[in-house]
Amino acid sequence: MFVALCFSEHGILQLSNVEKSEKATQMSIKIIEIFVIMREFLINNLNSKIDIEEIKRRLDNNDKNVELLFSYLDELIDKQDNKIERTKIGFKK
């Protein structure tokens, strides 16, 4: 049976203060560096997801605006096709 144990970044830091061997200190430093890299990755990934969601929201809004524009254009075309000739008023020769 596999049992996984994990420490937080602060737990590793405390462990490095307890363990005094050179190898334990090096490993603790490497693990803390990995935590820092993971944190930066997660922050960048979160920012990217937020940016993507903002782009999706804008695209959805643009789609609605384009549909509205085409519906107005269709109405104008229908008005042009069904144009009723008006009787002209004014001076006639």
PDB file of N, CA and C in Angstrom:
ATOM      1  N   MET A   1       0.840  -1.177   0.000  1.00  0.00           N
ATOM      2  CA  MET A   1       0.000   0.000   0.000  1.00  0.00           C
ATOM      3  C   MET A   1       0.887   1.243   0.000  1.00  0.00           C
ATOM      4  N   PHE A   2       0.516   2.217  -0.854  1.00  0.00           N
ATOM      5  CA  PHE A   2       1.307   3.430  -1.009  1.00  0.00           C
ATOM      6  C   PHE A   2       0.733   4.527  -0.117  1.00  0.00           C
ATOM      7  N   VAL A   3       1.568   5.111   0.697  1.00  0.00           N
ATOM      8  CA  VAL A   3       1.142   6.204   1.572  1.00  0.00           C
ATOM      9  C   VAL A   3       1.949   7.433   1.196  1.00  0.00           C
ATOM     10  N   ALA A   4       1.247   8.511   0.840  1.00  0.00           N
ATOM     11  CA  ALA A   4       1.933   9.742   0.450  1.00  0.00           C
ATOM     12  C   ALA A   4       1.914  10.719   1.616  1.00  0.00           C
ATOM     13  N   LEU A   5       3.061  11.215   1.951  1.00  0.00           N
ATOM     14  CA  LEU A   5       3.170  12.241   2.973  1.00  0.00           C
ATOM     15  C   LEU A   5       3.599  13.531   2.301  1.00  0.00           C
ATOM     16  N   CYS A   6       2.998  14.625   2.699  1.00  0.00           N
ATOM     17  CA  CYS A   6       3.416  15.882   2.090  1.00  0.00           C
ATOM     18  C   CYS A   6       3.515  16.953   3.165  1.00  0.00           C
ATOM     19  N   PHE A   7       4.375  17.874   2.919  1.00  0.00           N
ATOM     20  CA  PHE A   7       4.595  18.987   3.833  1.00  0.00           C
ATOM     21  C   PHE A   7       4.239  20.279   3.125  1.00  0.00           C
ATOM     22  N   SER A   8       3.879  21.266   3.911  1.00  0.00           N
ATOM     23  CA  SER A   8       3.683  22.591   3.329  1.00  0.00           C
ATOM     24  C   SER A   8       5.057  23.244   3.188  1.00  0.00           C
ATOM     25  N   GLU A   9       5.072  24.368   2.529  1.00  0.00           N
ATOM     26  CA  GLU A   9       6.335  25.096   2.359  1.00  0.00           C
ATOM     27  C   GLU A   9       6.906  25.476   3.724  1.00  0.00           C
ATOM     28  N   HIS A  10       6.043  25.882   4.633  1.00  0.00           N
ATOM     29  CA  HIS A  10       6.496  26.271   5.970  1.00  0.00           C
ATOM     30  C   HIS A  10       6.962  25.055   6.764  1.00  0.00           C
ATOM     31  N   GLY A  11       6.327  23.905   6.547  1.00  0.00           N
ATOM     32  CA  GLY A  11       6.761  22.684   7.208  1.00  0.00           C
ATOM     33  C   GLY A  11       8.156  22.280   6.775  1.00  0.00           C
ATOM     34  N   ILE A  12       8.446  22.422   5.500  1.00  0.00           N
ATOM     35  CA  ILE A  12       9.787  22.111   4.983  1.00  0.00           C
ATOM     36  C   ILE A  12      10.814  23.057   5.597  1.00  0.00           C
ATOM     37  N   LEU A  13      10.442  24.322   5.702  1.00  0.00           N
ATOM     38  CA  LEU A  13      11.354  25.303   6.301  1.00  0.00           C
ATOM     39  C   LEU A  13      11.650  24.949   7.758  1.00  0.00           C
ATOM     40  N   GLN A  14      10.635  24.539   8.492  1.00  0.00           N
ATOM     41  CA  GLN A  14      10.844  24.135   9.881  1.00  0.00           C
ATOM     42  C   GLN A  14      11.681  22.859   9.959  1.00  0.00           C
ATOM     43  N   LEU A  15      11.432  21.939   9.031  1.00  0.00           N
ATOM     44  CA  LEU A  15      12.200  20.695   9.007  1.00  0.00           C
ATOM     45  C   LEU A  15      13.676  20.973   8.745  1.00  0.00           C
ATOM     46  N   SER A  16      13.958  21.935   7.880  1.00  0.00           N
ATOM     47  CA  SER A  16      15.356  22.253   7.582  1.00  0.00           C
ATOM     48  C   SER A  16      16.050  22.863   8.794  1.00  0.00           C
ATOM     49  N   ASN A  17      15.284  23.510   9.672  1.00  0.00           N
ATOM     50  CA  ASN A  17      15.879  24.057  10.898  1.00  0.00           C
ATOM     51  C   ASN A  17      16.202  22.946  11.902  1.00  0.00           C
ATOM     52  N   VAL A  18      15.463  21.837  11.853  1.00  0.00           N
ATOM     53  CA  VAL A  18      15.683  20.723  12.783  1.00  0.00           C
ATOM     54  C   VAL A  18      16.834  19.844  12.295  1.00  0.00           C
ATOM     55  N   GLU A  19      16.786  19.499  10.992  1.00  0.00           N
ATOM     56  CA  GLU A  19      17.821  18.637  10.427  1.00  0.00           C
ATOM     57  C   GLU A  19      19.084  19.460  10.185  1.00  0.00           C
ATOM     58  N   LYS A  20      20.205  18.951  10.635  1.00  0.00           N
ATOM     59  CA  LYS A  20      21.446  19.724  10.538  1.00  0.00           C
ATOM     60  C   LYS A  20      22.420  19.185   9.501  1.00  0.00           C
ATOM     61  N   SER A  21      22.111  18.069   8.856  1.00  0.00           N
ATOM     62  CA  SER A  21      23.060  17.530   7.883  1.00  0.00           C
ATOM     63  C   SER A  21      23.044  18.374   6.613  1.00  0.00           C
ATOM     64  N   GLU A  22      24.149  18.332   5.910  1.00  0.00           N
ATOM     65  CA  GLU A  22      24.290  19.120   4.678  1.00  0.00           C
ATOM     66  C   GLU A  22      23.287  18.666   3.617  1.00  0.00           C
ATOM     67  N   LYS A  23      23.125  17.355   3.491  1.00  0.00           N
ATOM     68  CA  LYS A  23      22.196  16.797   2.490  1.00  0.00           C
ATOM     69  C   LYS A  23      20.749  17.214   2.799  1.00  0.00           C
ATOM     70  N   ALA A  24      20.360  17.177   4.081  1.00  0.00           N
ATOM     71  CA  ALA A  24      18.999  17.567   4.453  1.00  0.00           C
ATOM     72  C   ALA A  24      18.770  19.048   4.163  1.00  0.00           C
ATOM     73  N   THR A  25      19.759  19.881   4.412  1.00  0.00           N
ATOM     74  CA  THR A  25      19.642  21.311   4.141  1.00  0.00           C
ATOM     75  C   THR A  25      19.503  21.562   2.646  1.00  0.00           C
ATOM     76  N   GLN A  26      20.308  20.882   1.826  1.00  0.00           N
ATOM     77  CA  GLN A  26      20.227  21.049   0.373  1.00  0.00           C
ATOM     78  C   GLN A  26      18.860  20.618  -0.155  1.00  0.00           C
ATOM     79  N   MET A  27      18.381  19.481   0.350  1.00  0.00           N
ATOM     80  CA  MET A  27      17.068  18.994  -0.098  1.00  0.00           C
ATOM     81  C   MET A  27      15.958  19.958   0.304  1.00  0.00           C
ATOM     82  N   SER A  28      16.026  20.498   1.510  1.00  0.00           N
ATOM     83  CA  SER A  28      15.007  21.449   1.963  1.00  0.00           C
ATOM     84  C   SER A  28      15.004  22.692   1.096  1.00  0.00           C
ATOM     85  N   ILE A  29      16.186  23.176   0.747  1.00  0.00           N
ATOM     86  CA  ILE A  29      16.287  24.357  -0.126  1.00  0.00           C
ATOM     87  C   ILE A  29      15.687  24.054  -1.492  1.00  0.00           C
ATOM     88  N   LYS A  30      15.995  22.889  -2.050  1.00  0.00           N
ATOM     89  CA  LYS A  30      15.438  22.510  -3.364  1.00  0.00           C
ATOM     90  C   LYS A  30      13.916  22.421  -3.307  1.00  0.00           C
ATOM     91  N   ILE A  31      13.395  21.824  -2.233  1.00  0.00           N
ATOM     92  CA  ILE A  31      11.942  21.673  -2.115  1.00  0.00           C
ATOM     93  C   ILE A  31      11.280  23.043  -1.985  1.00  0.00           C
ATOM     94  N   ILE A  32      11.880  23.950  -1.228  1.00  0.00           N
ATOM     95  CA  ILE A  32      11.325  25.299  -1.104  1.00  0.00           C
ATOM     96  C   ILE A  32      11.368  26.015  -2.449  1.00  0.00           C
ATOM     97  N   GLU A  33      12.443  25.840  -3.217  1.00  0.00           N
ATOM     98  CA  GLU A  33      12.507  26.430  -4.564  1.00  0.00           C
ATOM     99  C   GLU A  33      11.385  25.890  -5.446  1.00  0.00           C
ATOM    100  N   ILE A  34      11.089  24.599  -5.306  1.00  0.00           N
ATOM    101  CA  ILE A  34       9.997  24.000  -6.083  1.00  0.00           C
ATOM    102  C   ILE A  34       8.662  24.607  -5.673  1.00  0.00           C
ATOM    103  N   PHE A  35       8.457  24.832  -4.380  1.00  0.00           N
ATOM    104  CA  PHE A  35       7.238  25.491  -3.918  1.00  0.00           C
ATOM    105  C   PHE A  35       7.106  26.888  -4.536  1.00  0.00           C
ATOM    106  N   VAL A  36       8.205  27.624  -4.585  1.00  0.00           N
ATOM    107  CA  VAL A  36       8.180  28.971  -5.164  1.00  0.00           C
ATOM    108  C   VAL A  36       7.812  28.903  -6.651  1.00  0.00           C
ATOM    109  N   ILE A  37       8.403  27.961  -7.356  1.00  0.00           N
ATOM    110  CA  ILE A  37       8.104  27.792  -8.786  1.00  0.00           C
ATOM    111  C   ILE A  37       6.637  27.421  -8.982  1.00  0.00           C
ATOM    112  N   MET A  38       6.131  26.517  -8.125  1.00  0.00           N
ATOM    113  CA  MET A  38       4.714  26.113  -8.234  1.00  0.00           C
ATOM    114  C   MET A  38       3.791  27.300  -7.975  1.00  0.00           C
ATOM    115  N   ARG A  39       4.120  28.119  -6.975  1.00  0.00           N
ATOM    116  CA  ARG A  39       3.289  29.271  -6.661  1.00  0.00           C
ATOM    117  C   ARG A  39       3.255  30.242  -7.840  1.00  0.00           C
ATOM    118  N   GLU A  40       4.413  30.521  -8.432  1.00  0.00           N
ATOM    119  CA  GLU A  40       4.472  31.415  -9.593  1.00  0.00           C
ATOM    120  C   GLU A  40       3.674  30.849 -10.760  1.00  0.00           C
ATOM    121  N   PHE A  41       3.789  29.539 -10.977  1.00  0.00           N
ATOM    122  CA  PHE A  41       3.040  28.899 -12.065  1.00  0.00           C
ATOM    123  C   PHE A  41       1.543  29.040 -11.845  1.00  0.00           C
ATOM    124  N   LEU A  42       1.095  28.786 -10.608  1.00  0.00           N
ATOM    125  CA  LEU A  42      -0.334  28.875 -10.320  1.00  0.00           C
ATOM    126  C   LEU A  42      -0.850  30.298 -10.473  1.00  0.00           C
ATOM    127  N   ILE A  43      -0.067  31.275 -10.041  1.00  0.00           N
ATOM    128  CA  ILE A  43      -0.483  32.674 -10.181  1.00  0.00           C
ATOM    129  C   ILE A  43      -0.579  33.041 -11.662  1.00  0.00           C
ATOM    130  N   ASN A  44       0.429  32.670 -12.447  1.00  0.00           N
ATOM    131  CA  ASN A  44       0.403  32.980 -13.882  1.00  0.00           C
ATOM    132  C   ASN A  44      -0.733  32.260 -14.576  1.00  0.00           C
ATOM    133  N   ASN A  45      -0.977  31.004 -14.181  1.00  0.00           N
ATOM    134  CA  ASN A  45      -2.048  30.223 -14.773  1.00  0.00           C
ATOM    135  C   ASN A  45      -3.399  30.849 -14.447  1.00  0.00           C
ATOM    136  N   LEU A  46      -3.570  31.303 -13.216  1.00  0.00           N
ATOM    137  CA  LEU A  46      -4.816  31.943 -12.812  1.00  0.00           C
ATOM    138  C   LEU A  46      -5.036  33.229 -13.599  1.00  0.00           C
ATOM    139  N   ASN A  47      -3.988  34.029 -13.759  1.00  0.00           N
ATOM    140  CA  ASN A  47      -4.103  35.263 -14.543  1.00  0.00           C
ATOM    141  C   ASN A  47      -4.482  34.956 -15.988  1.00  0.00           C
ATOM    142  N   SER A  48      -3.897  33.900 -16.547  1.00  0.00           N
ATOM    143  CA  SER A  48      -4.224  33.516 -17.923  1.00  0.00           C
ATOM    144  C   SER A  48      -5.680  33.088 -18.032  1.00  0.00           C
ATOM    145  N   LYS A  49      -6.160  32.321 -17.052  1.00  0.00           N
ATOM    146  CA  LYS A  49      -7.564  31.893 -17.081  1.00  0.00           C
ATOM    147  C   LYS A  49      -8.504  33.084 -16.975  1.00  0.00           C
ATOM    148  N   ILE A  50      -8.169  34.037 -16.120  1.00  0.00           N
ATOM    149  CA  ILE A  50      -9.001  35.234 -15.985  1.00  0.00           C
ATOM    150  C   ILE A  50      -9.023  36.004 -17.298  1.00  0.00           C
ATOM    151  N   ASP A  51      -7.860  36.148 -17.949  1.00  0.00           N
ATOM    152  CA  ASP A  51      -7.793  36.843 -19.238  1.00  0.00           C
ATOM    153  C   ASP A  51      -8.626  36.123 -20.295  1.00  0.00           C
ATOM    154  N   ILE A  52      -8.555  34.803 -20.332  1.00  0.00           N
ATOM    155  CA  ILE A  52      -9.324  34.022 -21.308  1.00  0.00           C
ATOM    156  C   ILE A  52     -10.817  34.193 -21.072  1.00  0.00           C
ATOM    157  N   GLU A  53     -11.243  34.175 -19.811  1.00  0.00           N
ATOM    158  CA  GLU A  53     -12.670  34.359 -19.502  1.00  0.00           C
ATOM    159  C   GLU A  53     -13.138  35.749 -19.909  1.00  0.00           C
ATOM    160  N   GLU A  54     -12.287  36.758 -19.724  1.00  0.00           N
ATOM    161  CA  GLU A  54     -12.637  38.123 -20.138  1.00  0.00           C
ATOM    162  C   GLU A  54     -12.795  38.195 -21.663  1.00  0.00           C
ATOM    163  N   ILE A  55     -11.911  37.537 -22.381  1.00  0.00           N
ATOM    164  CA  ILE A  55     -12.004  37.510 -23.840  1.00  0.00           C
ATOM    165  C   ILE A  55     -13.282  36.803 -24.280  1.00  0.00           C
ATOM    166  N   LYS A  56     -13.606  35.680 -23.632  1.00  0.00           N
ATOM    167  CA  LYS A  56     -14.842  34.957 -23.967  1.00  0.00           C
ATOM    168  C   LYS A  56     -16.062  35.833 -23.729  1.00  0.00           C
ATOM    169  N   ARG A  57     -16.062  36.555 -22.601  1.00  0.00           N
ATOM    170  CA  ARG A  57     -17.198  37.426 -22.277  1.00  0.00           C
ATOM    171  C   ARG A  57     -17.352  38.517 -23.344  1.00  0.00           C
ATOM    172  N   ARG A  58     -16.230  39.099 -23.751  1.00  0.00           N
ATOM    173  CA  ARG A  58     -16.291  40.138 -24.783  1.00  0.00           C
ATOM    174  C   ARG A  58     -16.771  39.568 -26.118  1.00  0.00           C
ATOM    175  N   LEU A  59     -16.301  38.370 -26.459  1.00  0.00           N
ATOM    176  CA  LEU A  59     -16.722  37.763 -27.721  1.00  0.00           C
ATOM    177  C   LEU A  59     -18.217  37.462 -27.712  1.00  0.00           C
ATOM    178  N   ASP A  60     -18.730  36.972 -26.583  1.00  0.00           N
ATOM    179  CA  ASP A  60     -20.172  36.720 -26.484  1.00  0.00           C
ATOM    180  C   ASP A  60     -20.949  38.005 -26.680  1.00  0.00           C
ATOM    181  N   ASN A  61     -20.476  39.077 -26.073  1.00  0.00           N
ATOM    182  CA  ASN A  61     -21.141  40.375 -26.208  1.00  0.00           C
ATOM    183  C   ASN A  61     -21.062  40.865 -27.652  1.00  0.00           C
ATOM    184  N   ASN A  62     -19.915  40.672 -28.300  1.00  0.00           N
ATOM    185  CA  ASN A  62     -19.760  41.088 -29.693  1.00  0.00           C
ATOM    186  C   ASN A  62     -20.683  40.288 -30.604  1.00  0.00           C
ATOM    187  N   ASP A  63     -20.842  38.996 -30.332  1.00  0.00           N
ATOM    188  CA  ASP A  63     -21.741  38.167 -31.134  1.00  0.00           C
ATOM    189  C   ASP A  63     -23.166  38.712 -31.073  1.00  0.00           C
ATOM    190  N   LYS A  64     -23.594  39.098 -29.879  1.00  0.00           N
ATOM    191  CA  LYS A  64     -24.939  39.645 -29.729  1.00  0.00           C
ATOM    192  C   LYS A  64     -25.076  40.957 -30.486  1.00  0.00           C
ATOM    193  N   ASN A  65     -24.042  41.790 -30.416  1.00  0.00           N
ATOM    194  CA  ASN A  65     -24.081  43.068 -31.131  1.00  0.00           C
ATOM    195  C   ASN A  65     -24.117  42.872 -32.646  1.00  0.00           C
ATOM    196  N   VAL A  66     -23.367  41.911 -33.148  1.00  0.00           N
ATOM    197  CA  VAL A  66     -23.352  41.633 -34.587  1.00  0.00           C
ATOM    198  C   VAL A  66     -24.720  41.109 -35.032  1.00  0.00           C
ATOM    199  N   GLU A  67     -25.331  40.242 -34.231  1.00  0.00           N
ATOM    200  CA  GLU A  67     -26.671  39.737 -34.564  1.00  0.00           C
ATOM    201  C   GLU A  67     -27.678  40.874 -34.605  1.00  0.00           C
ATOM    202  N   LEU A  68     -27.594  41.791 -33.653  1.00  0.00           N
ATOM    203  CA  LEU A  68     -28.491  42.942 -33.616  1.00  0.00           C
ATOM    204  C   LEU A  68     -28.275  43.826 -34.839  1.00  0.00           C
ATOM    205  N   LEU A  69     -27.026  44.032 -35.201  1.00  0.00           N
ATOM    206  CA  LEU A  69     -26.709  44.841 -36.381  1.00  0.00           C
ATOM    207  C   LEU A  69     -27.303  44.217 -37.641  1.00  0.00           C
ATOM    208  N   PHE A  70     -27.158  42.911 -37.806  1.00  0.00           N
ATOM    209  CA  PHE A  70     -27.716  42.245 -38.987  1.00  0.00           C
ATOM    210  C   PHE A  70     -29.235  42.292 -38.994  1.00  0.00           C
ATOM    211  N   SER A  71     -29.849  42.196 -37.832  1.00  0.00           N
ATOM    212  CA  SER A  71     -31.319  42.295 -37.808  1.00  0.00           C
ATOM    213  C   SER A  71     -31.762  43.692 -38.235  1.00  0.00           C
ATOM    214  N   TYR A  72     -31.044  44.744 -37.798  1.00  0.00           N
ATOM    215  CA  TYR A  72     -31.366  46.108 -38.241  1.00  0.00           C
ATOM    216  C   TYR A  72     -31.144  46.261 -39.743  1.00  0.00           C
ATOM    217  N   LEU A  73     -30.078  45.678 -40.241  1.00  0.00           N
ATOM    218  CA  LEU A  73     -29.826  45.758 -41.689  1.00  0.00           C
ATOM    219  C   LEU A  73     -30.928  45.041 -42.472  1.00  0.00           C
ATOM    220  N   ASP A  74     -31.388  43.897 -41.975  1.00  0.00           N
ATOM    221  CA  ASP A  74     -32.488  43.183 -42.634  1.00  0.00           C
ATOM    222  C   ASP A  74     -33.752  44.040 -42.656  1.00  0.00           C
ATOM    223  N   GLU A  75     -34.023  44.735 -41.554  1.00  0.00           N
ATOM    224  CA  GLU A  75     -35.203  45.610 -41.513  1.00  0.00           C
ATOM    225  C   GLU A  75     -35.084  46.738 -42.535  1.00  0.00           C
ATOM    226  N   LEU A  76     -33.891  47.324 -42.649  1.00  0.00           N
ATOM    227  CA  LEU A  76     -33.693  48.405 -43.627  1.00  0.00           C
ATOM    228  C   LEU A  76     -33.851  47.894 -45.052  1.00  0.00           C
ATOM    229  N   ILE A  77     -33.343  46.701 -45.323  1.00  0.00           N
ATOM    230  CA  ILE A  77     -33.476  46.121 -46.668  1.00  0.00           C
ATOM    231  C   ILE A  77     -34.944  45.850 -46.972  1.00  0.00           C
ATOM    232  N   ASP A  78     -35.689  45.322 -45.978  1.00  0.00           N
ATOM    233  CA  ASP A  78     -37.125  45.085 -46.175  1.00  0.00           C
ATOM    234  C   ASP A  78     -37.859  46.387 -46.455  1.00  0.00           C
ATOM    235  N   LYS A  79     -37.503  47.457 -45.769  1.00  0.00           N
ATOM    236  CA  LYS A  79     -38.141  48.754 -46.002  1.00  0.00           C
ATOM    237  C   LYS A  79     -37.845  49.250 -47.412  1.00  0.00           C
ATOM    238  N   GLN A  80     -36.625  49.030 -47.891  1.00  0.00           N
ATOM    239  CA  GLN A  80     -36.267  49.454 -49.247  1.00  0.00           C
ATOM    240  C   GLN A  80     -37.040  48.652 -50.291  1.00  0.00           C
ATOM    241  N   ASP A  81     -37.224  47.362 -50.039  1.00  0.00           N
ATOM    242  CA  ASP A  81     -37.939  46.504 -50.981  1.00  0.00           C
ATOM    243  C   ASP A  81     -39.427  46.843 -51.014  1.00  0.00           C
ATOM    244  N   ASN A  82     -40.002  47.185 -49.900  1.00  0.00           N
ATOM    245  CA  ASN A  82     -41.436  47.455 -49.802  1.00  0.00           C
ATOM    246  C   ASN A  82     -41.727  48.955 -49.790  1.00  0.00           C
ATOM    247  N   LYS A  83     -40.891  49.711 -50.460  1.00  0.00           N
ATOM    248  CA  LYS A  83     -41.013  51.159 -50.462  1.00  0.00           C
ATOM    249  C   LYS A  83     -42.279  51.578 -51.218  1.00  0.00           C
ATOM    250  N   ILE A  84     -43.073  52.425 -50.598  1.00  0.00           N
ATOM    251  CA  ILE A  84     -44.303  52.932 -51.218  1.00  0.00           C
ATOM    252  C   ILE A  84     -43.985  54.293 -51.832  1.00  0.00           C
ATOM    253  N   GLU A  85     -44.368  54.440 -53.123  1.00  0.00           N
ATOM    254  CA  GLU A  85     -44.135  55.707 -53.801  1.00  0.00           C
ATOM    255  C   GLU A  85     -45.078  56.757 -53.254  1.00  0.00           C
ATOM    256  N   ARG A  86     -44.512  57.853 -52.836  1.00  0.00           N
ATOM    257  CA  ARG A  86     -45.340  58.943 -52.336  1.00  0.00           C
ATOM    258  C   ARG A  86     -45.703  59.886 -53.475  1.00  0.00           C
ATOM    259  N   THR A  87     -46.836  60.535 -53.319  1.00  0.00           N
ATOM    260  CA  THR A  87     -47.231  61.530 -54.304  1.00  0.00           C
ATOM    261  C   THR A  87     -46.392  62.781 -54.077  1.00  0.00           C
ATOM    262  N   LYS A  88     -45.818  63.240 -55.157  1.00  0.00           N
ATOM    263  CA  LYS A  88     -44.944  64.393 -55.031  1.00  0.00           C
ATOM    264  C   LYS A  88     -45.794  65.659 -54.936  1.00  0.00           C
ATOM    265  N   ILE A  89     -45.351  66.515 -54.059  1.00  0.00           N
ATOM    266  CA  ILE A  89     -46.065  67.788 -53.898  1.00  0.00           C
ATOM    267  C   ILE A  89     -45.178  68.912 -54.390  1.00  0.00           C
ATOM    268  N   GLY A  90     -45.757  70.044 -54.666  1.00  0.00           N
ATOM    269  CA  GLY A  90     -44.952  71.174 -55.092  1.00  0.00           C
ATOM    270  C   GLY A  90     -45.364  71.643 -56.478  1.00  0.00           C
ATOM    271  N   PHE A  91     -44.584  72.552 -57.056  1.00  0.00           N
ATOM    272  CA  PHE A  91     -44.876  73.155 -58.353  1.00  0.00           C
ATOM    273  C   PHE A  91     -44.673  72.135 -59.450  1.00  0.00           C
ATOM    274  N   LYS A  92     -45.670  72.096 -60.366  1.00  0.00           N
ATOM    275  CA  LYS A  92     -45.573  71.204 -61.512  1.00  0.00           C
ATOM    276  C   LYS A  92     -45.689  72.022 -62.768  1.00  0.00           C
ATOM    277  N   LYS A  93     -44.946  71.679 -63.765  1.00  0.00           N
ATOM    278  CA  LYS A  93     -44.996  72.387 -65.050  1.00  0.00           C
ATOM    279  C   LYS A  93     -46.141  71.924 -65.875  1.00  0.00           C
TER     280      LYS A  93
END
